[in-house]
Amino acid sequence: MSTFAAIIIIVLAVLVDYFWLDYDKKRWGWMKKWSKRNKGLLFIGFIFATGLIYFGLSLSYFQ
């Protein structure tokens, strides 16, 4: 349950930053001309990489 909660918190933090906090597009402006498909692929890849890193760092606690 804690792994799932950590991934949800990370995903929500990125989505809040992208849709709500970055109103002047200074942090995410480099993706301005990307298609919705490419933006979705970036976020899915980010979520996947974050999950792998978190899982890899947590392996010692699972044993």
PDB file of N, CA and C in Angstrom:
ATOM      1  N   MET A   1       0.816  -1.192   0.000  1.00  0.00           N
ATOM      2  CA  MET A   1       0.000   0.000   0.000  1.00  0.00           C
ATOM      3  C   MET A   1       0.863   1.261   0.000  1.00  0.00           C
ATOM      4  N   SER A   2       1.977   1.245   0.707  1.00  0.00           N
ATOM      5  CA  SER A   2       2.806   2.445   0.772  1.00  0.00           C
ATOM      6  C   SER A   2       3.454   2.763  -0.573  1.00  0.00           C
ATOM      7  N   THR A   3       3.811   1.756  -1.359  1.00  0.00           N
ATOM      8  CA  THR A   3       4.375   1.992  -2.685  1.00  0.00           C
ATOM      9  C   THR A   3       3.345   2.665  -3.574  1.00  0.00           C
ATOM     10  N   PHE A   4       2.137   2.159  -3.535  1.00  0.00           N
ATOM     11  CA  PHE A   4       1.062   2.739  -4.335  1.00  0.00           C
ATOM     12  C   PHE A   4       0.791   4.181  -3.909  1.00  0.00           C
ATOM     13  N   ALA A   5       0.787   4.439  -2.630  1.00  0.00           N
ATOM     14  CA  ALA A   5       0.554   5.794  -2.122  1.00  0.00           C
ATOM     15  C   ALA A   5       1.665   6.744  -2.555  1.00  0.00           C
ATOM     16  N   ALA A   6       2.896   6.292  -2.525  1.00  0.00           N
ATOM     17  CA  ALA A   6       4.015   7.138  -2.933  1.00  0.00           C
ATOM     18  C   ALA A   6       3.935   7.482  -4.412  1.00  0.00           C
ATOM     19  N   ILE A   7       3.580   6.515  -5.239  1.00  0.00           N
ATOM     20  CA  ILE A   7       3.461   6.765  -6.676  1.00  0.00           C
ATOM     21  C   ILE A   7       2.309   7.731  -6.949  1.00  0.00           C
ATOM     22  N   ILE A   8       1.199   7.568  -6.250  1.00  0.00           N
ATOM     23  CA  ILE A   8       0.063   8.472  -6.428  1.00  0.00           C
ATOM     24  C   ILE A   8       0.449   9.894  -6.030  1.00  0.00           C
ATOM     25  N   ILE A   9       1.180  10.060  -4.943  1.00  0.00           N
ATOM     26  CA  ILE A   9       1.599  11.392  -4.497  1.00  0.00           C
ATOM     27  C   ILE A   9       2.522  12.036  -5.527  1.00  0.00           C
ATOM     28  N   ILE A  10       3.449  11.280  -6.078  1.00  0.00           N
ATOM     29  CA  ILE A  10       4.375  11.817  -7.078  1.00  0.00           C
ATOM     30  C   ILE A  10       3.624  12.222  -8.338  1.00  0.00           C
ATOM     31  N   VAL A  11       2.730  11.367  -8.803  1.00  0.00           N
ATOM     32  CA  VAL A  11       1.956  11.668 -10.011  1.00  0.00           C
ATOM     33  C   VAL A  11       1.089  12.906  -9.791  1.00  0.00           C
ATOM     34  N   LEU A  12       0.427  12.994  -8.659  1.00  0.00           N
ATOM     35  CA  LEU A  12      -0.405  14.158  -8.382  1.00  0.00           C
ATOM     36  C   LEU A  12       0.422  15.437  -8.293  1.00  0.00           C
ATOM     37  N   ALA A  13       1.614  15.347  -7.726  1.00  0.00           N
ATOM     38  CA  ALA A  13       2.472  16.532  -7.630  1.00  0.00           C
ATOM     39  C   ALA A  13       2.872  17.034  -9.015  1.00  0.00           C
ATOM     40  N   VAL A  14       3.220  16.134  -9.921  1.00  0.00           N
ATOM     41  CA  VAL A  14       3.589  16.532 -11.279  1.00  0.00           C
ATOM     42  C   VAL A  14       2.384  17.115 -12.014  1.00  0.00           C
ATOM     43  N   LEU A  15       1.235  16.483 -11.886  1.00  0.00           N
ATOM     44  CA  LEU A  15       0.041  16.984 -12.571  1.00  0.00           C
ATOM     45  C   LEU A  15      -0.403  18.341 -12.032  1.00  0.00           C
ATOM     46  N   VAL A  16      -0.332  18.530 -10.723  1.00  0.00           N
ATOM     47  CA  VAL A  16      -0.684  19.833 -10.145  1.00  0.00           C
ATOM     48  C   VAL A  16       0.294  20.892 -10.627  1.00  0.00           C
ATOM     49  N   ASP A  17       1.564  20.562 -10.695  1.00  0.00           N
ATOM     50  CA  ASP A  17       2.556  21.524 -11.171  1.00  0.00           C
ATOM     51  C   ASP A  17       2.295  21.881 -12.628  1.00  0.00           C
ATOM     52  N   TYR A  18       1.987  20.906 -13.441  1.00  0.00           N
ATOM     53  CA  TYR A  18       1.781  21.150 -14.875  1.00  0.00           C
ATOM     54  C   TYR A  18       0.495  21.933 -15.135  1.00  0.00           C
ATOM     55  N   PHE A  19      -0.602  21.545 -14.518  1.00  0.00           N
ATOM     56  CA  PHE A  19      -1.892  22.144 -14.840  1.00  0.00           C
ATOM     57  C   PHE A  19      -2.261  23.366 -13.996  1.00  0.00           C
ATOM     58  N   TRP A  20      -1.714  23.481 -12.784  1.00  0.00           N
ATOM     59  CA  TRP A  20      -2.186  24.531 -11.890  1.00  0.00           C
ATOM     60  C   TRP A  20      -1.103  25.543 -11.527  1.00  0.00           C
ATOM     61  N   LEU A  21       0.061  25.095 -11.108  1.00  0.00           N
ATOM     62  CA  LEU A  21       1.085  26.008 -10.607  1.00  0.00           C
ATOM     63  C   LEU A  21       1.885  26.699 -11.709  1.00  0.00           C
ATOM     64  N   ASP A  22       2.041  26.055 -12.847  1.00  0.00           N
ATOM     65  CA  ASP A  22       2.844  26.626 -13.930  1.00  0.00           C
ATOM     66  C   ASP A  22       1.952  27.411 -14.886  1.00  0.00           C
ATOM     67  N   TYR A  23       1.322  28.463 -14.374  1.00  0.00           N
ATOM     68  CA  TYR A  23       0.373  29.221 -15.186  1.00  0.00           C
ATOM     69  C   TYR A  23       1.039  30.064 -16.259  1.00  0.00           C
ATOM     70  N   ASP A  24       2.321  30.414 -16.103  1.00  0.00           N
ATOM     71  CA  ASP A  24       3.003  31.222 -17.108  1.00  0.00           C
ATOM     72  C   ASP A  24       3.889  30.383 -18.030  1.00  0.00           C
ATOM     73  N   LYS A  25       3.834  29.064 -17.913  1.00  0.00           N
ATOM     74  CA  LYS A  25       4.516  28.102 -18.792  1.00  0.00           C
ATOM     75  C   LYS A  25       6.032  28.301 -18.839  1.00  0.00           C
ATOM     76  N   LYS A  26       6.635  28.608 -17.700  1.00  0.00           N
ATOM     77  CA  LYS A  26       8.087  28.763 -17.663  1.00  0.00           C
ATOM     78  C   LYS A  26       8.791  27.429 -17.464  1.00  0.00           C
ATOM     79  N   ARG A  27       8.205  26.524 -16.676  1.00  0.00           N
ATOM     80  CA  ARG A  27       8.858  25.234 -16.449  1.00  0.00           C
ATOM     81  C   ARG A  27       8.524  24.220 -17.542  1.00  0.00           C
ATOM     82  N   TRP A  28       7.292  24.233 -18.017  1.00  0.00           N
ATOM     83  CA  TRP A  28       6.855  23.240 -18.995  1.00  0.00           C
ATOM     84  C   TRP A  28       6.712  23.839 -20.396  1.00  0.00           C
ATOM     85  N   GLY A  29       7.199  25.036 -20.611  1.00  0.00           N
ATOM     86  CA  GLY A  29       7.072  25.707 -21.904  1.00  0.00           C
ATOM     87  C   GLY A  29       7.819  25.018 -23.034  1.00  0.00           C
ATOM     88  N   TRP A  30       8.835  24.254 -22.719  1.00  0.00           N
ATOM     89  CA  TRP A  30       9.597  23.559 -23.746  1.00  0.00           C
ATOM     90  C   TRP A  30       8.765  22.487 -24.447  1.00  0.00           C
ATOM     91  N   MET A  31       7.607  22.121 -23.879  1.00  0.00           N
ATOM     92  CA  MET A  31       6.716  21.135 -24.503  1.00  0.00           C
ATOM     93  C   MET A  31       5.547  21.815 -25.219  1.00  0.00           C
ATOM     94  N   LYS A  32       5.627  23.104 -25.417  1.00  0.00           N
ATOM     95  CA  LYS A  32       4.497  23.875 -25.913  1.00  0.00           C
ATOM     96  C   LYS A  32       3.972  23.368 -27.263  1.00  0.00           C
ATOM     97  N   LYS A  33       4.839  23.007 -28.166  1.00  0.00           N
ATOM     98  CA  LYS A  33       4.426  22.605 -29.508  1.00  0.00           C
ATOM     99  C   LYS A  33       4.282  21.098 -29.671  1.00  0.00           C
ATOM    100  N   TRP A  34       4.355  20.364 -28.594  1.00  0.00           N
ATOM    101  CA  TRP A  34       4.199  18.917 -28.654  1.00  0.00           C
ATOM    102  C   TRP A  34       2.735  18.559 -28.820  1.00  0.00           C
ATOM    103  N   SER A  35       2.478  17.408 -29.429  1.00  0.00           N
ATOM    104  CA  SER A  35       1.105  16.926 -29.533  1.00  0.00           C
ATOM    105  C   SER A  35       0.665  16.341 -28.190  1.00  0.00           C
ATOM    106  N   LYS A  36      -0.640  16.149 -28.043  1.00  0.00           N
ATOM    107  CA  LYS A  36      -1.159  15.571 -26.797  1.00  0.00           C
ATOM    108  C   LYS A  36      -0.625  14.160 -26.609  1.00  0.00           C
ATOM    109  N   ARG A  37      -0.446  13.436 -27.690  1.00  0.00           N
ATOM    110  CA  ARG A  37       0.083  12.068 -27.620  1.00  0.00           C
ATOM    111  C   ARG A  37       1.497  12.062 -27.045  1.00  0.00           C
ATOM    112  N   ASN A  38       2.334  12.955 -27.543  1.00  0.00           N
ATOM    113  CA  ASN A  38       3.716  13.013 -27.055  1.00  0.00           C
ATOM    114  C   ASN A  38       3.787  13.465 -25.596  1.00  0.00           C
ATOM    115  N   LYS A  39       2.920  14.405 -25.207  1.00  0.00           N
ATOM    116  CA  LYS A  39       2.880  14.824 -23.806  1.00  0.00           C
ATOM    117  C   LYS A  39       2.446  13.663 -22.916  1.00  0.00           C
ATOM    118  N   GLY A  40       1.440  12.917 -23.376  1.00  0.00           N
ATOM    119  CA  GLY A  40       0.983  11.752 -22.617  1.00  0.00           C
ATOM    120  C   GLY A  40       2.069  10.709 -22.480  1.00  0.00           C
ATOM    121  N   LEU A  41       2.809  10.470 -23.569  1.00  0.00           N
ATOM    122  CA  LEU A  41       3.914   9.504 -23.513  1.00  0.00           C
ATOM    123  C   LEU A  41       5.001   9.953 -22.544  1.00  0.00           C
ATOM    124  N   LEU A  42       5.278  11.246 -22.507  1.00  0.00           N
ATOM    125  CA  LEU A  42       6.270  11.758 -21.563  1.00  0.00           C
ATOM    126  C   LEU A  42       5.826  11.513 -20.126  1.00  0.00           C
ATOM    127  N   PHE A  43       4.569  11.825 -19.821  1.00  0.00           N
ATOM    128  CA  PHE A  43       4.079  11.639 -18.454  1.00  0.00           C
ATOM    129  C   PHE A  43       4.006  10.159 -18.081  1.00  0.00           C
ATOM    130  N   ILE A  44       3.601   9.313 -19.012  1.00  0.00           N
ATOM    131  CA  ILE A  44       3.570   7.875 -18.727  1.00  0.00           C
ATOM    132  C   ILE A  44       4.984   7.351 -18.490  1.00  0.00           C
ATOM    133  N   GLY A  45       5.937   7.791 -19.312  1.00  0.00           N
ATOM    134  CA  GLY A  45       7.327   7.394 -19.112  1.00  0.00           C
ATOM    135  C   GLY A  45       7.880   7.883 -17.791  1.00  0.00           C
ATOM    136  N   PHE A  46       7.519   9.106 -17.414  1.00  0.00           N
ATOM    137  CA  PHE A  46       7.961   9.656 -16.138  1.00  0.00           C
ATOM    138  C   PHE A  46       7.395   8.850 -14.978  1.00  0.00           C
ATOM    139  N   ILE A  47       6.113   8.518 -15.064  1.00  0.00           N
ATOM    140  CA  ILE A  47       5.481   7.726 -14.011  1.00  0.00           C
ATOM    141  C   ILE A  47       6.126   6.349 -13.924  1.00  0.00           C
ATOM    142  N   PHE A  48       6.398   5.730 -15.056  1.00  0.00           N
ATOM    143  CA  PHE A  48       7.027   4.410 -15.078  1.00  0.00           C
ATOM    144  C   PHE A  48       8.433   4.459 -14.488  1.00  0.00           C
ATOM    145  N   ALA A  49       9.226   5.454 -14.897  1.00  0.00           N
ATOM    146  CA  ALA A  49      10.595   5.581 -14.378  1.00  0.00           C
ATOM    147  C   ALA A  49      10.591   5.865 -12.881  1.00  0.00           C
ATOM    148  N   THR A  50       9.678   6.714 -12.443  1.00  0.00           N
ATOM    149  CA  THR A  50       9.578   7.017 -11.016  1.00  0.00           C
ATOM    150  C   THR A  50       9.215   5.776 -10.221  1.00  0.00           C
ATOM    151  N   GLY A  51       8.279   4.995 -10.741  1.00  0.00           N
ATOM    152  CA  GLY A  51       7.893   3.757 -10.072  1.00  0.00           C
ATOM    153  C   GLY A  51       9.039   2.771  -9.990  1.00  0.00           C
ATOM    154  N   LEU A  52       9.798   2.636 -11.079  1.00  0.00           N
ATOM    155  CA  LEU A  52      10.951   1.724 -11.062  1.00  0.00           C
ATOM    156  C   LEU A  52      12.016   2.171 -10.061  1.00  0.00           C
ATOM    157  N   ILE A  53      12.292   3.459 -10.019  1.00  0.00           N
ATOM    158  CA  ILE A  53      13.292   3.963  -9.079  1.00  0.00           C
ATOM    159  C   ILE A  53      12.834   3.740  -7.645  1.00  0.00           C
ATOM    160  N   TYR A  54      11.581   4.056  -7.363  1.00  0.00           N
ATOM    161  CA  TYR A  54      11.063   3.872  -6.006  1.00  0.00           C
ATOM    162  C   TYR A  54      11.078   2.398  -5.617  1.00  0.00           C
ATOM    163  N   PHE A  55      10.665   1.538  -6.539  1.00  0.00           N
ATOM    164  CA  PHE A  55      10.665   0.106  -6.271  1.00  0.00           C
ATOM    165  C   PHE A  55      12.089  -0.411  -6.057  1.00  0.00           C
ATOM    166  N   GLY A  56      13.027   0.046  -6.883  1.00  0.00           N
ATOM    167  CA  GLY A  56      14.413  -0.371  -6.739  1.00  0.00           C
ATOM    168  C   GLY A  56      15.026   0.045  -5.418  1.00  0.00           C
ATOM    169  N   LEU A  57      14.710   1.252  -4.982  1.00  0.00           N
ATOM    170  CA  LEU A  57      15.238   1.716  -3.706  1.00  0.00           C
ATOM    171  C   LEU A  57      14.559   1.046  -2.518  1.00  0.00           C
ATOM    172  N   SER A  58      13.359   0.508  -2.729  1.00  0.00           N
ATOM    173  CA  SER A  58      12.614  -0.125  -1.638  1.00  0.00           C
ATOM    174  C   SER A  58      12.832  -1.627  -1.536  1.00  0.00           C
ATOM    175  N   LEU A  59      13.614  -2.211  -2.422  1.00  0.00           N
ATOM    176  CA  LEU A  59      13.802  -3.670  -2.419  1.00  0.00           C
ATOM    177  C   LEU A  59      14.356  -4.197  -1.106  1.00  0.00           C
ATOM    178  N   SER A  60      15.220  -3.465  -0.478  1.00  0.00           N
ATOM    179  CA  SER A  60      15.800  -3.959   0.773  1.00  0.00           C
ATOM    180  C   SER A  60      14.755  -4.055   1.878  1.00  0.00           C
ATOM    181  N   TYR A  61      13.693  -3.288   1.795  1.00  0.00           N
ATOM    182  CA  TYR A  61      12.656  -3.329   2.823  1.00  0.00           C
ATOM    183  C   TYR A  61      11.637  -4.454   2.585  1.00  0.00           C
ATOM    184  N   PHE A  62      11.601  -5.008   1.365  1.00  0.00           N
ATOM    185  CA  PHE A  62      10.653  -6.072   1.055  1.00  0.00           C
ATOM    186  C   PHE A  62      11.138  -7.428   1.535  1.00  0.00           C
ATOM    187  N   GLN A  63      12.402  -7.579   1.813  1.00  0.00           N
ATOM    188  CA  GLN A  63      12.950  -8.897   2.173  1.00  0.00           C
ATOM    189  C   GLN A  63      12.794  -9.190   3.625  1.00  0.00           C
TER     190      GLN A  63
END
